[in-house]
């Protein structure tokens, strides 16, 4: 099996699930050689853009294509609230520690220049998405602007707390985030062997709210994504260098989506290259 670096975009996008599994196994084996070569070591926490089983993801590409060695704690489906503060309980009703605790232990141990962090998408998509919408027949704007503004401001406060936590464990470590792309509401969920196991995440809520027009559906999602990116950009400006924001919207075209929320393999590789460029531009440690 060729490495990801040896495959063209067209070849990447027709990989089977077995092919992807082999590529991920190659990446795990390659970490030993990356450690021996002195490759830069990063830490990552996040959602399915960092942990996507049906296809490759940003972490796969940053390792296989860009040569980083990454301690990855991401879990598909995770939310900002759970990652940073913990919002889950076990079968006995006992609160589970927030995932960031383990991440911060690793950050403190190795003091990476960058903590890669992917989050926010699952806090909006899925069951929560309907709360952002008015019914199309109500005569009100489909997007509840005040709800969207309030929630995205809340996400900003969550991320400010994240930056404080990271700085307390490793003052020189920066947090790097992306703001996703303009996703396309559709009936396509994530799956393997033609069987969807998750999603779609946005279309059901839009149907529930009577939003029948395709252009209106796209505009609602675009506005939410743009608001989220604007928040990240403002947070970067006010963070004193603690946050690095990478805008991926211009890297992602309509044809790059494999389902409602996830990119094709070639698009993840292209986005990873932009993230890598931002890291390489940082001053040496």
Protein backbone atom coordinates (compact mmCIF):
# COMPACT_ATOMS: atom_id res chain seq x y z
CA UNK A 1 0.00 0.00 0.00
CA UNK A 2 1.52 3.39 -0.97
CA UNK A 3 1.84 5.99 1.75
CA UNK A 4 -0.55 8.94 1.86
CA UNK A 5 2.24 11.16 0.61
CA UNK A 6 2.63 9.00 -2.52
CA UNK A 7 -1.07 9.07 -3.45
CA UNK A 8 -2.66 11.68 -5.69
CA UNK A 9 -5.83 13.48 -4.62
CA UNK A 10 -7.88 11.32 -6.98
CA UNK A 11 -6.36 8.14 -5.54
CA UNK A 12 -6.93 9.33 -1.98
CA UNK A 13 -10.61 9.96 -2.58
CA UNK A 14 -11.37 6.45 -3.85
CA UNK A 15 -9.68 4.58 -1.01
CA UNK A 16 -11.78 1.79 0.48
CA UNK A 17 -12.38 1.43 4.21
CA UNK A 18 -9.76 -1.34 4.26
CA UNK A 19 -7.29 0.98 2.52
CA UNK A 20 -7.89 3.69 5.10
CA UNK A 21 -7.39 1.19 7.92
CA UNK A 22 -4.03 0.24 6.39
CA UNK A 23 -3.00 3.89 6.09
CA UNK A 24 -3.83 4.51 9.73
CA UNK A 25 -1.86 1.42 10.73
CA UNK A 26 1.09 2.69 8.67
CA UNK A 27 0.92 5.98 10.55
CA UNK A 28 1.02 4.21 13.92
CA UNK A 29 4.08 2.22 12.88
CA UNK A 30 5.76 5.31 11.47
CA UNK A 31 5.63 7.13 14.83
CA UNK A 32 8.63 5.12 15.99
CA UNK A 33 10.74 6.36 13.10
CA UNK A 34 9.41 9.89 13.59
CA UNK A 35 10.55 9.78 17.22
CA UNK A 36 13.99 8.58 16.17
CA UNK A 37 14.28 11.32 13.55
CA UNK A 38 13.51 14.06 16.05
CA UNK A 39 10.23 15.07 14.35
CA UNK A 40 8.36 17.81 16.17
CA UNK A 41 5.99 16.39 18.76
CA UNK A 42 2.54 17.91 19.22
CA UNK A 43 -0.52 17.09 21.33
CA UNK A 44 -4.07 17.00 19.94
CA UNK A 45 -7.58 16.98 21.38
CA UNK A 46 -10.77 17.23 19.42
CA UNK A 47 -13.67 15.75 17.53
CA UNK A 48 -14.03 13.70 14.34
CA UNK A 49 -11.94 16.10 12.26
CA UNK A 50 -9.09 14.65 14.33
CA UNK A 51 -10.58 11.14 14.74
CA UNK A 52 -12.50 9.90 11.72
CA UNK A 53 -12.63 6.15 11.16
CA UNK A 54 -14.35 5.91 7.73
CA UNK A 55 -11.72 8.13 6.12
CA UNK A 56 -8.55 9.96 6.89
CA UNK A 57 -8.59 13.05 9.10
CA UNK A 58 -6.44 16.09 9.85
CA UNK A 59 -4.21 14.21 12.30
CA UNK A 60 -3.55 11.41 9.80
CA UNK A 61 -2.51 14.01 7.26
CA UNK A 62 -0.38 16.07 9.64
CA UNK A 63 1.54 12.92 10.56
CA UNK A 64 1.77 11.11 7.23
CA UNK A 65 2.01 14.14 4.94
CA UNK A 66 3.59 16.84 7.10
CA UNK A 67 5.86 14.76 9.32
CA UNK A 68 4.64 15.72 12.79
CA UNK A 69 4.57 13.26 15.67
CA UNK A 70 1.24 13.73 17.45
CA UNK A 71 -0.10 12.42 20.76
CA UNK A 72 -3.77 12.39 19.81
CA UNK A 73 -6.52 12.31 22.46
CA UNK A 74 -9.40 13.22 20.10
CA UNK A 75 -12.67 11.32 20.06
CA UNK A 76 -15.29 11.55 17.34
CA UNK A 77 -18.51 13.20 18.48
CA UNK A 78 -17.00 15.08 21.41
CA UNK A 79 -18.18 18.57 22.34
CA UNK A 80 -16.39 21.68 23.58
CA UNK A 81 -18.27 21.53 26.85
CA UNK A 82 -17.32 17.94 27.57
CA UNK A 83 -13.71 18.24 26.44
CA UNK A 84 -12.99 21.27 28.59
CA UNK A 85 -15.29 20.87 31.60
CA UNK A 86 -16.76 17.35 31.48
CA UNK A 87 -20.45 16.80 30.86
CA UNK A 88 -20.70 13.01 30.98
CA UNK A 89 -21.54 10.59 33.78
CA UNK A 90 -20.81 6.87 33.99
CA UNK A 91 -23.33 4.08 34.53
CA UNK A 92 -23.29 4.73 38.26
CA UNK A 93 -24.20 8.38 37.83
CA UNK A 94 -20.71 9.59 38.74
CA UNK A 95 -19.30 12.49 36.74
CA UNK A 96 -16.48 11.50 34.38
CA UNK A 97 -13.35 13.65 34.46
CA UNK A 98 -13.11 16.06 31.52
CA UNK A 99 -10.86 14.72 28.73
CA UNK A 100 -8.73 17.86 28.92
CA UNK A 101 -7.23 16.65 32.21
CA UNK A 102 -5.32 13.85 30.48
CA UNK A 103 -4.38 16.19 27.63
CA UNK A 104 -2.98 18.76 30.04
CA UNK A 105 -0.90 16.12 31.81
CA UNK A 106 0.75 15.33 28.48
CA UNK A 107 1.17 19.00 27.62
CA UNK A 108 2.91 19.58 30.96
CA UNK A 109 5.13 16.55 30.42
CA UNK A 110 6.45 17.36 26.93
CA UNK A 111 5.83 21.14 26.62
CA UNK A 112 4.90 21.12 22.92
CA UNK A 113 4.98 24.32 20.92
CA UNK A 114 1.39 23.63 19.86
CA UNK A 115 -1.72 21.92 21.21
CA UNK A 116 -3.99 21.16 18.26
CA UNK A 117 -7.64 21.56 19.22
CA UNK A 118 -10.72 20.83 17.08
CA UNK A 119 -14.08 21.57 18.62
CA UNK A 120 -17.40 23.34 18.30
CA UNK A 121 -19.04 21.45 15.44
CA UNK A 122 -20.80 18.92 17.66
CA UNK A 123 -22.04 21.68 19.97
CA UNK A 124 -24.18 22.99 17.11
CA UNK A 125 -24.94 20.03 14.83
CA UNK A 126 -27.19 17.12 15.76
CA UNK A 127 -30.06 17.40 18.21
CA UNK A 128 -28.92 20.88 19.26
CA UNK A 129 -29.23 22.32 15.75
CA UNK A 130 -33.03 22.74 15.94
CA UNK A 131 -32.66 25.17 18.85
CA UNK A 132 -30.95 27.63 16.47
CA UNK A 133 -33.90 27.63 14.05
CA UNK A 134 -37.34 29.19 13.76
CA UNK A 135 -40.00 27.40 11.74
CA UNK A 136 -39.92 28.54 8.12
CA UNK A 137 -43.68 29.20 8.19
CA UNK A 138 -43.50 31.43 11.28
CA UNK A 139 -42.65 34.56 9.31
CA UNK A 140 -39.48 34.95 11.38
CA UNK A 141 -35.92 34.63 10.08
CA UNK A 142 -34.99 30.94 9.98
CA UNK A 143 -31.82 31.51 12.00
CA UNK A 144 -32.41 32.65 15.56
CA UNK A 145 -29.72 35.30 15.56
CA UNK A 146 -29.80 36.02 19.28
CA UNK A 147 -29.54 32.33 20.15
CA UNK A 148 -26.66 31.88 17.71
CA UNK A 149 -24.81 34.94 19.01
CA UNK A 150 -25.32 33.95 22.65
CA UNK A 151 -24.15 30.37 22.14
CA UNK A 152 -21.09 31.29 20.08
CA UNK A 153 -20.16 33.88 22.71
CA UNK A 154 -20.47 31.07 25.27
CA UNK A 155 -18.14 28.90 23.20
CA UNK A 156 -15.68 31.78 23.24
CA UNK A 157 -15.77 31.84 27.04
CA UNK A 158 -15.18 28.08 27.09
CA UNK A 159 -12.12 28.55 24.90
CA UNK A 160 -10.81 31.38 27.06
CA UNK A 161 -10.89 28.93 29.97
CA UNK A 162 -9.08 26.36 27.83
CA UNK A 163 -6.32 28.86 27.09
CA UNK A 164 -5.97 29.56 30.82
CA UNK A 165 -5.70 25.86 31.60
CA UNK A 166 -3.05 25.28 28.95
CA UNK A 167 -1.02 28.31 30.04
CA UNK A 168 -1.07 27.07 33.63
CA UNK A 169 0.48 23.76 32.57
CA UNK A 170 2.83 24.99 29.84
CA UNK A 171 3.11 28.77 29.40
CA UNK A 172 4.90 28.52 26.05
CA UNK A 173 2.38 26.16 24.41
CA UNK A 174 -0.02 27.74 21.94
CA UNK A 175 -3.46 26.34 21.13
CA UNK A 176 -4.15 26.03 17.39
CA UNK A 177 -7.76 25.85 16.20
CA UNK A 178 -9.63 25.83 12.90
CA UNK A 179 -13.17 26.98 12.18
CA UNK A 180 -14.39 24.18 9.85
CA UNK A 181 -15.88 24.99 6.44
CA UNK A 182 -19.25 25.85 4.89
CA UNK A 183 -20.88 22.45 5.29
CA UNK A 184 -23.68 21.32 2.98
CA UNK A 185 -26.95 20.09 4.54
CA UNK A 186 -27.77 16.80 2.87
CA UNK A 187 -29.01 13.28 3.55
CA UNK A 188 -25.46 11.92 3.64
CA UNK A 189 -24.25 10.53 6.95
CA UNK A 190 -20.91 8.96 7.85
CA UNK A 191 -20.62 5.26 7.12
CA UNK A 192 -18.58 2.25 6.16
CA UNK A 193 -19.39 -0.25 3.39
CA UNK A 194 -22.35 1.88 2.36
CA UNK A 195 -23.96 1.70 5.81
CA UNK A 196 -24.37 5.00 7.65
CA UNK A 197 -23.67 4.79 11.39
CA UNK A 198 -23.96 8.52 12.18
CA UNK A 199 -25.78 11.50 10.73
CA UNK A 200 -27.07 13.33 8.90
CA UNK A 201 -26.73 15.98 11.57
CA UNK A 202 -28.36 19.10 10.11
CA UNK A 203 -30.95 18.12 7.52
CA UNK A 204 -33.37 16.48 10.01
CA UNK A 205 -33.62 19.68 12.05
CA UNK A 206 -34.11 21.77 8.90
CA UNK A 207 -36.89 19.44 7.76
CA UNK A 208 -38.45 19.55 11.20
CA UNK A 209 -38.52 23.34 10.97
CA UNK A 210 -40.06 23.28 7.50
CA UNK A 211 -37.01 24.69 5.71
CA UNK A 212 -37.59 23.31 2.24
CA UNK A 213 -35.45 25.65 0.16
CA UNK A 214 -31.92 24.40 -0.45
CA UNK A 215 -30.41 27.87 -0.71
CA UNK A 216 -31.95 28.86 2.63
CA UNK A 217 -30.58 25.72 4.27
CA UNK A 218 -27.08 26.51 3.01
CA UNK A 219 -27.31 30.15 4.09
CA UNK A 220 -28.25 29.20 7.66
CA UNK A 221 -25.24 26.91 7.97
CA UNK A 222 -22.96 29.44 6.30
CA UNK A 223 -23.99 32.15 8.77
CA UNK A 224 -23.31 29.89 11.76
CA UNK A 225 -19.90 28.85 10.43
CA UNK A 226 -18.97 32.46 9.67
CA UNK A 227 -20.01 33.56 13.17
CA UNK A 228 -17.89 30.80 14.70
CA UNK A 229 -14.87 31.79 12.62
CA UNK A 230 -15.34 35.45 13.52
CA UNK A 231 -15.32 34.50 17.20
CA UNK A 232 -12.09 32.50 16.78
CA UNK A 233 -10.45 35.36 14.91
CA UNK A 234 -11.40 37.84 17.64
CA UNK A 235 -10.21 35.43 20.32
CA UNK A 236 -6.86 35.07 18.57
CA UNK A 237 -6.48 38.85 18.41
CA UNK A 238 -7.10 39.24 22.11
CA UNK A 239 -5.21 36.17 23.31
CA UNK A 240 -1.71 37.64 23.35
CA UNK A 241 -0.44 34.87 21.11
CA UNK A 242 -1.94 32.01 23.12
CA UNK A 243 -4.41 31.08 20.34
CA UNK A 244 -3.54 30.43 16.71
CA UNK A 245 -6.57 30.46 14.40
CA UNK A 246 -6.44 28.89 10.94
CA UNK A 247 -9.26 29.81 8.55
CA UNK A 248 -9.99 26.78 6.35
CA UNK A 249 -13.08 28.12 4.57
CA UNK A 250 -11.21 29.15 1.42
CA UNK A 251 -9.59 25.69 1.23
CA UNK A 252 -12.90 23.81 1.07
CA UNK A 253 -15.19 23.68 -1.98
CA UNK A 254 -18.66 22.14 -2.27
CA UNK A 255 -17.15 19.09 -3.98
CA UNK A 256 -14.88 18.43 -0.97
CA UNK A 257 -17.61 17.14 1.37
CA UNK A 258 -18.01 13.36 1.71
CA UNK A 259 -21.03 13.80 4.02
CA UNK A 260 -22.72 16.61 5.93
CA UNK A 261 -19.84 17.28 8.33
CA UNK A 262 -16.71 15.53 7.04
CA UNK A 263 -14.32 16.13 4.17
CA UNK A 264 -12.93 13.88 1.51
CA UNK A 265 -9.42 12.59 2.14
CA UNK A 266 -7.80 14.98 -0.34
CA UNK A 267 -9.47 18.00 1.30
CA UNK A 268 -8.24 17.00 4.74
CA UNK A 269 -4.74 16.73 3.30
CA UNK A 270 -5.02 20.22 1.79
CA UNK A 271 -6.31 21.66 5.07
CA UNK A 272 -3.55 19.91 7.03
CA UNK A 273 -0.99 21.57 4.77
CA UNK A 274 -2.37 25.00 5.69
CA UNK A 275 -2.25 24.14 9.40
CA UNK A 276 1.32 22.90 9.00
CA UNK A 277 2.33 26.15 7.32
CA UNK A 278 1.05 28.09 10.34
CA UNK A 279 3.06 25.89 12.71
CA UNK A 280 6.23 26.13 10.61
CA UNK A 281 5.92 29.92 10.63
CA UNK A 282 6.21 30.04 14.44
CA UNK A 283 9.49 31.08 16.02
CA UNK A 284 11.72 28.17 17.01
CA UNK A 285 11.29 26.95 20.57
